[in-house]
Amino acid sequence: MAILNDSNYTQIATTSSSTYKVTNLTPNTTYWFYVRAYNSYGTSGDSAHIKVTTQNIVVNSQKQVVGFATYYYSGDKSSYNSMVNNTSLLNTVITHTYITDSFGNISGLVPTEQINYANSNGIVPIAMVSNNFSGDIAKQVLENEQNRKNLINNISAALKSNNYKGVNIDLEGVYYYDRSYLNTFMKELYTALKPQGYIVGISVPAKTYDSLTNSWTGAYDYAELSKYVDQFILMTYDEHYPGVLLVLLHLSDGCKR
């Protein structure tokens, strides 16, 4: 039962479950709740009367457009030109820049021109840090406290020296049993960078259910990670390679024969 003050209650539900979710409440409003138990012998007295206040949540419905930028060699203009041609459409650009090794050392060709253009034209530049799809590299970084600290310090230094506004962590192929270590790393990273005003994001594989032992998605705890990131990048982009096409053609030829 619930009401806006601690009197004149109205019954809102009868349930046999140990939990119940109340919906359609008014934002920024105080409510009182209590429960009564009953069975064939009768009805209990009131539980403790609990006061709760709903929050006034503002949902930003504005579409955010994120672009990924590459920089394959010094002087590569492909992503820069695309960014210039689509300035009015972009909110954020994530540069595919840094690779970490097993000890948290990062390396990469910094696209200074891209970053400067983004900062000068209302586009938020974010640095991507990846692991070359190596579960072994992720394992050695994530499971070792000193390596995690080294990676965080190197990320922080790179963001400052190159005028980035934040980081996107793109650790892929993380072993499912390193799930808790990935959570720990993101918590430590967020704790270090957020007070400095940086945006912290992470790329995660798409999944419709949580399998703790799945070799591709098991390491990514959406609920826990959400506490330590500002942005999720859901990896639903369309990606192909020639091997897939060749396999399909081979099967098709076999069927014809």
Protein backbone atom coordinates (compact mmCIF):
# COMPACT_ATOMS: atom_id res chain seq x y z
CA MET A 1 0.00 0.00 0.00
CA ALA A 2 1.17 3.54 -0.69
CA ILE A 3 0.09 7.17 -0.42
CA LEU A 4 1.58 10.65 -0.57
CA ASN A 5 1.55 10.94 3.23
CA ASP A 6 1.55 8.51 6.15
CA SER A 7 -2.25 8.08 6.37
CA ASN A 8 -5.28 7.03 4.32
CA TYR A 9 -3.47 4.33 2.36
CA THR A 10 -4.75 2.73 -0.84
CA GLN A 11 -4.01 -0.89 -1.72
CA ILE A 12 -1.93 -1.07 -4.89
CA ALA A 13 -1.35 -4.81 -5.35
CA THR A 14 -1.67 -8.35 -4.05
CA THR A 15 1.21 -10.68 -4.87
CA SER A 16 2.73 -13.98 -3.81
CA SER A 17 6.20 -12.84 -4.89
CA SER A 18 8.85 -11.61 -2.46
CA THR A 19 9.36 -8.53 -4.67
CA TYR A 20 7.09 -6.04 -6.37
CA LYS A 21 7.85 -3.17 -8.74
CA VAL A 22 5.77 -0.01 -8.45
CA THR A 23 5.38 1.89 -11.72
CA ASN A 24 3.75 5.08 -12.99
CA LEU A 25 4.88 7.18 -10.03
CA THR A 26 5.17 10.94 -10.28
CA PRO A 27 8.74 12.30 -10.49
CA ASN A 28 10.12 14.31 -7.57
CA THR A 29 7.33 13.14 -5.24
CA THR A 30 7.35 11.55 -1.77
CA TYR A 31 5.42 8.30 -1.21
CA TRP A 32 4.79 6.07 1.83
CA PHE A 33 4.66 2.27 1.57
CA TYR A 34 3.97 -0.71 3.81
CA VAL A 35 3.01 -4.37 3.34
CA ARG A 36 0.78 -6.89 5.08
CA ALA A 37 1.12 -10.66 4.90
CA TYR A 38 -1.86 -12.97 4.93
CA ASN A 39 -2.74 -16.67 4.74
CA SER A 40 -5.63 -18.94 5.71
CA TYR A 41 -5.15 -18.04 9.36
CA GLY A 42 -5.56 -14.32 8.87
CA THR A 43 -3.71 -11.09 8.12
CA SER A 44 -0.59 -9.74 9.81
CA GLY A 45 -0.12 -6.24 11.13
CA ASP A 46 1.60 -3.54 9.11
CA SER A 47 5.27 -3.74 8.27
CA ALA A 48 7.36 -0.67 8.93
CA HIS A 49 6.05 2.37 7.05
CA ILE A 50 8.70 3.41 4.53
CA LYS A 51 9.04 6.86 2.96
CA VAL A 52 10.64 7.16 -0.47
CA THR A 53 11.04 10.07 -2.86
CA THR A 54 11.12 9.60 -6.62
CA GLN A 55 13.77 11.38 -8.66
CA ASN A 56 13.19 13.93 -11.36
CA ILE A 57 14.96 12.17 -14.23
CA VAL A 58 15.61 14.15 -17.38
CA VAL A 59 16.04 12.00 -20.49
CA ASN A 60 18.16 13.46 -23.25
CA SER A 61 16.43 12.34 -26.42
CA GLN A 62 18.83 14.17 -28.74
CA LYS A 63 20.53 11.79 -31.14
CA GLN A 64 24.29 11.51 -30.69
CA VAL A 65 26.35 10.67 -33.77
CA VAL A 66 29.74 9.06 -33.14
CA GLY A 67 32.32 8.61 -35.90
CA PHE A 68 35.39 6.36 -35.82
CA ALA A 69 38.58 7.80 -37.32
CA THR A 70 41.65 5.97 -38.59
CA TYR A 71 45.20 7.18 -39.22
CA TYR A 72 47.14 4.47 -41.03
CA TYR A 73 50.29 6.45 -41.81
CA SER A 74 51.70 9.93 -41.25
CA GLY A 75 49.85 12.26 -43.59
CA ASP A 76 46.82 9.97 -44.03
CA LYS A 77 43.92 12.36 -44.78
CA SER A 78 41.02 9.93 -45.35
CA SER A 79 39.34 10.21 -41.96
CA TYR A 80 40.21 13.88 -41.62
CA ASN A 81 38.56 14.70 -44.95
CA SER A 82 35.48 12.71 -44.01
CA MET A 83 35.25 14.54 -40.69
CA VAL A 84 35.50 17.92 -42.43
CA ASN A 85 32.83 16.94 -44.94
CA ASN A 86 30.46 15.79 -42.18
CA THR A 87 31.18 18.31 -39.44
CA SER A 88 27.54 19.31 -39.01
CA LEU A 89 26.50 15.70 -38.43
CA LEU A 90 29.09 14.64 -35.87
CA ASN A 91 28.97 14.98 -32.09
CA THR A 92 31.96 12.79 -31.26
CA VAL A 93 34.91 11.24 -33.08
CA ILE A 94 36.78 8.25 -31.65
CA THR A 95 40.29 7.93 -33.06
CA HIS A 96 41.63 4.40 -33.41
CA THR A 97 44.99 5.33 -31.95
CA TYR A 98 46.46 3.38 -29.04
CA ILE A 99 47.39 -0.27 -28.56
CA THR A 100 48.34 -1.56 -25.12
CA ASP A 101 50.91 -4.26 -24.47
CA SER A 102 50.85 -6.76 -21.61
CA PHE A 103 52.34 -4.25 -19.17
CA GLY A 104 50.01 -1.32 -19.87
CA ASN A 105 52.39 0.55 -22.17
CA ILE A 106 50.53 2.20 -25.05
CA SER A 107 51.70 3.13 -28.53
CA GLY A 108 50.12 4.59 -31.63
CA LEU A 109 50.27 7.25 -34.31
CA VAL A 110 48.46 10.30 -32.90
CA PRO A 111 46.21 12.06 -35.48
CA THR A 112 46.96 15.61 -34.33
CA GLU A 113 45.17 17.23 -37.26
CA GLN A 114 41.99 15.29 -36.56
CA ILE A 115 42.06 16.16 -32.85
CA ASN A 116 42.72 19.85 -33.47
CA TYR A 117 39.93 20.07 -36.03
CA ALA A 118 37.48 18.33 -33.70
CA ASN A 119 38.30 20.63 -30.79
CA SER A 120 37.91 23.70 -32.99
CA ASN A 121 34.60 22.66 -34.53
CA GLY A 122 32.42 21.43 -31.68
CA ILE A 123 33.27 17.73 -32.08
CA VAL A 124 34.40 15.78 -29.00
CA PRO A 125 37.66 13.88 -29.67
CA ILE A 126 37.97 10.54 -27.84
CA ALA A 127 41.03 8.27 -27.87
CA MET A 128 40.49 4.55 -28.38
CA VAL A 129 42.71 2.11 -26.49
CA SER A 130 42.64 -1.47 -27.75
CA ASN A 131 44.52 -4.75 -27.33
CA ASN A 132 44.75 -6.12 -30.89
CA PHE A 133 42.00 -8.63 -30.01
CA SER A 134 44.45 -10.47 -27.75
CA GLY A 135 42.90 -12.17 -24.74
CA ASP A 136 46.40 -12.91 -23.46
CA ILE A 137 47.35 -9.22 -23.44
CA ALA A 138 44.08 -8.34 -21.71
CA LYS A 139 44.66 -11.08 -19.15
CA GLN A 140 48.15 -9.89 -18.25
CA VAL A 141 47.07 -6.26 -17.98
CA LEU A 142 43.82 -6.79 -16.12
CA GLU A 143 44.96 -9.41 -13.62
CA ASN A 144 48.02 -7.45 -12.49
CA GLU A 145 47.46 -4.40 -10.28
CA GLN A 146 50.69 -2.69 -11.34
CA ASN A 147 49.97 -3.24 -15.03
CA ARG A 148 46.48 -1.78 -14.61
CA LYS A 149 47.94 1.24 -12.83
CA ASN A 150 50.54 1.65 -15.56
CA LEU A 151 47.87 1.57 -18.28
CA ILE A 152 45.71 4.11 -16.44
CA ASN A 153 48.66 6.47 -15.94
CA ASN A 154 49.64 6.17 -19.61
CA ILE A 155 46.08 6.84 -20.76
CA SER A 156 45.84 9.89 -18.52
CA ALA A 157 49.13 11.27 -19.85
CA ALA A 158 48.10 10.68 -23.48
CA LEU A 159 44.76 12.45 -23.03
CA LYS A 160 46.43 15.48 -21.48
CA SER A 161 49.29 15.82 -23.94
CA ASN A 162 47.10 15.43 -27.03
CA ASN A 163 44.02 17.44 -26.02
CA TYR A 164 41.59 14.53 -26.00
CA LYS A 165 38.33 14.86 -24.08
CA GLY A 166 38.11 11.23 -23.04
CA VAL A 167 38.88 7.60 -23.73
CA ASN A 168 37.12 4.60 -25.20
CA ILE A 169 38.36 1.24 -23.91
CA ASP A 170 38.16 -1.38 -26.65
CA LEU A 171 39.55 -4.52 -25.01
CA GLU A 172 38.23 -7.38 -27.12
CA GLY A 173 38.59 -11.13 -26.74
CA VAL A 174 38.79 -10.76 -22.95
CA TYR A 175 38.57 -14.19 -21.34
CA TYR A 176 35.27 -14.75 -19.55
CA TYR A 177 37.05 -15.55 -16.27
CA ASP A 178 38.59 -12.05 -16.30
CA ARG A 179 35.13 -10.49 -15.91
CA SER A 180 35.76 -9.21 -12.38
CA TYR A 181 39.19 -7.86 -13.37
CA LEU A 182 37.66 -5.90 -16.24
CA ASN A 183 35.15 -4.41 -13.79
CA THR A 184 37.98 -3.51 -11.42
CA PHE A 185 40.00 -1.87 -14.17
CA MET A 186 37.09 0.25 -15.37
CA LYS A 187 36.35 1.30 -11.79
CA GLU A 188 39.98 2.33 -11.25
CA LEU A 189 40.10 4.12 -14.61
CA TYR A 190 36.86 6.00 -13.95
CA THR A 191 38.02 6.99 -10.47
CA ALA A 192 41.25 8.39 -11.94
CA LEU A 193 39.85 10.19 -14.99
CA LYS A 194 36.37 11.39 -14.07
CA PRO A 195 37.54 13.95 -11.46
CA GLN A 196 39.75 15.44 -14.19
CA GLY A 197 36.69 15.99 -16.38
CA TYR A 198 37.35 13.25 -18.93
CA ILE A 199 34.69 11.11 -20.59
CA VAL A 200 35.11 7.38 -19.97
CA GLY A 201 33.59 4.89 -22.39
CA ILE A 202 33.88 1.24 -23.26
CA SER A 203 33.12 -0.83 -26.36
CA VAL A 204 31.16 -4.00 -25.55
CA PRO A 205 29.95 -6.92 -27.66
CA ALA A 206 26.22 -7.10 -28.27
CA LYS A 207 24.28 -9.77 -26.39
CA THR A 208 20.65 -10.53 -25.58
CA TYR A 209 21.38 -12.49 -22.39
CA ASP A 210 24.26 -12.77 -19.93
CA SER A 211 26.25 -16.01 -20.13
CA LEU A 212 29.09 -15.92 -17.60
CA THR A 213 31.13 -18.47 -19.55
CA ASN A 214 30.56 -17.29 -23.11
CA SER A 215 33.96 -16.99 -24.80
CA TRP A 216 33.09 -13.70 -26.55
CA THR A 217 30.63 -11.88 -24.25
CA GLY A 218 31.09 -13.45 -20.81
CA ALA A 219 33.65 -10.91 -19.59
CA TYR A 220 31.37 -7.93 -20.11
CA ASP A 221 29.12 -7.27 -17.12
CA TYR A 222 26.78 -4.59 -18.45
CA ALA A 223 25.21 -3.81 -15.06
CA GLU A 224 28.48 -3.46 -13.17
CA LEU A 225 30.31 -1.63 -15.95
CA SER A 226 27.51 0.93 -16.18
CA LYS A 227 28.60 2.27 -12.79
CA TYR A 228 31.99 3.29 -14.16
CA VAL A 229 31.38 4.54 -17.70
CA ASP A 230 29.73 7.53 -19.32
CA GLN A 231 29.29 5.84 -22.70
CA PHE A 232 28.73 2.32 -23.97
CA ILE A 233 29.67 1.65 -27.57
CA LEU A 234 27.68 -1.42 -28.57
CA MET A 235 29.59 -3.36 -31.22
CA THR A 236 26.82 -3.92 -33.74
CA TYR A 237 28.65 -2.52 -36.75
CA ASP A 238 28.67 -4.52 -39.97
CA GLU A 239 32.07 -6.10 -40.50
CA HIS A 240 33.14 -8.63 -43.13
CA TYR A 241 36.32 -10.12 -44.53
CA PRO A 242 37.12 -11.98 -47.77
CA GLY A 243 37.32 -15.38 -46.09
CA VAL A 244 33.61 -15.34 -45.34
CA LEU A 245 32.74 -14.67 -48.95
CA LEU A 246 35.04 -17.43 -50.18
CA VAL A 247 33.48 -19.98 -47.85
CA LEU A 248 29.98 -19.09 -49.01
CA LEU A 249 30.98 -19.33 -52.66
CA HIS A 250 32.59 -22.74 -52.09
CA LEU A 251 29.45 -24.09 -50.41
CA SER A 252 27.29 -22.69 -53.17
CA ASP A 253 29.41 -24.36 -55.88
CA GLY A 254 29.24 -27.65 -54.02
CA CYS A 255 25.46 -27.49 -53.87
CA LYS A 256 25.26 -26.88 -57.64
CA ARG A 257 27.31 -29.96 -58.36
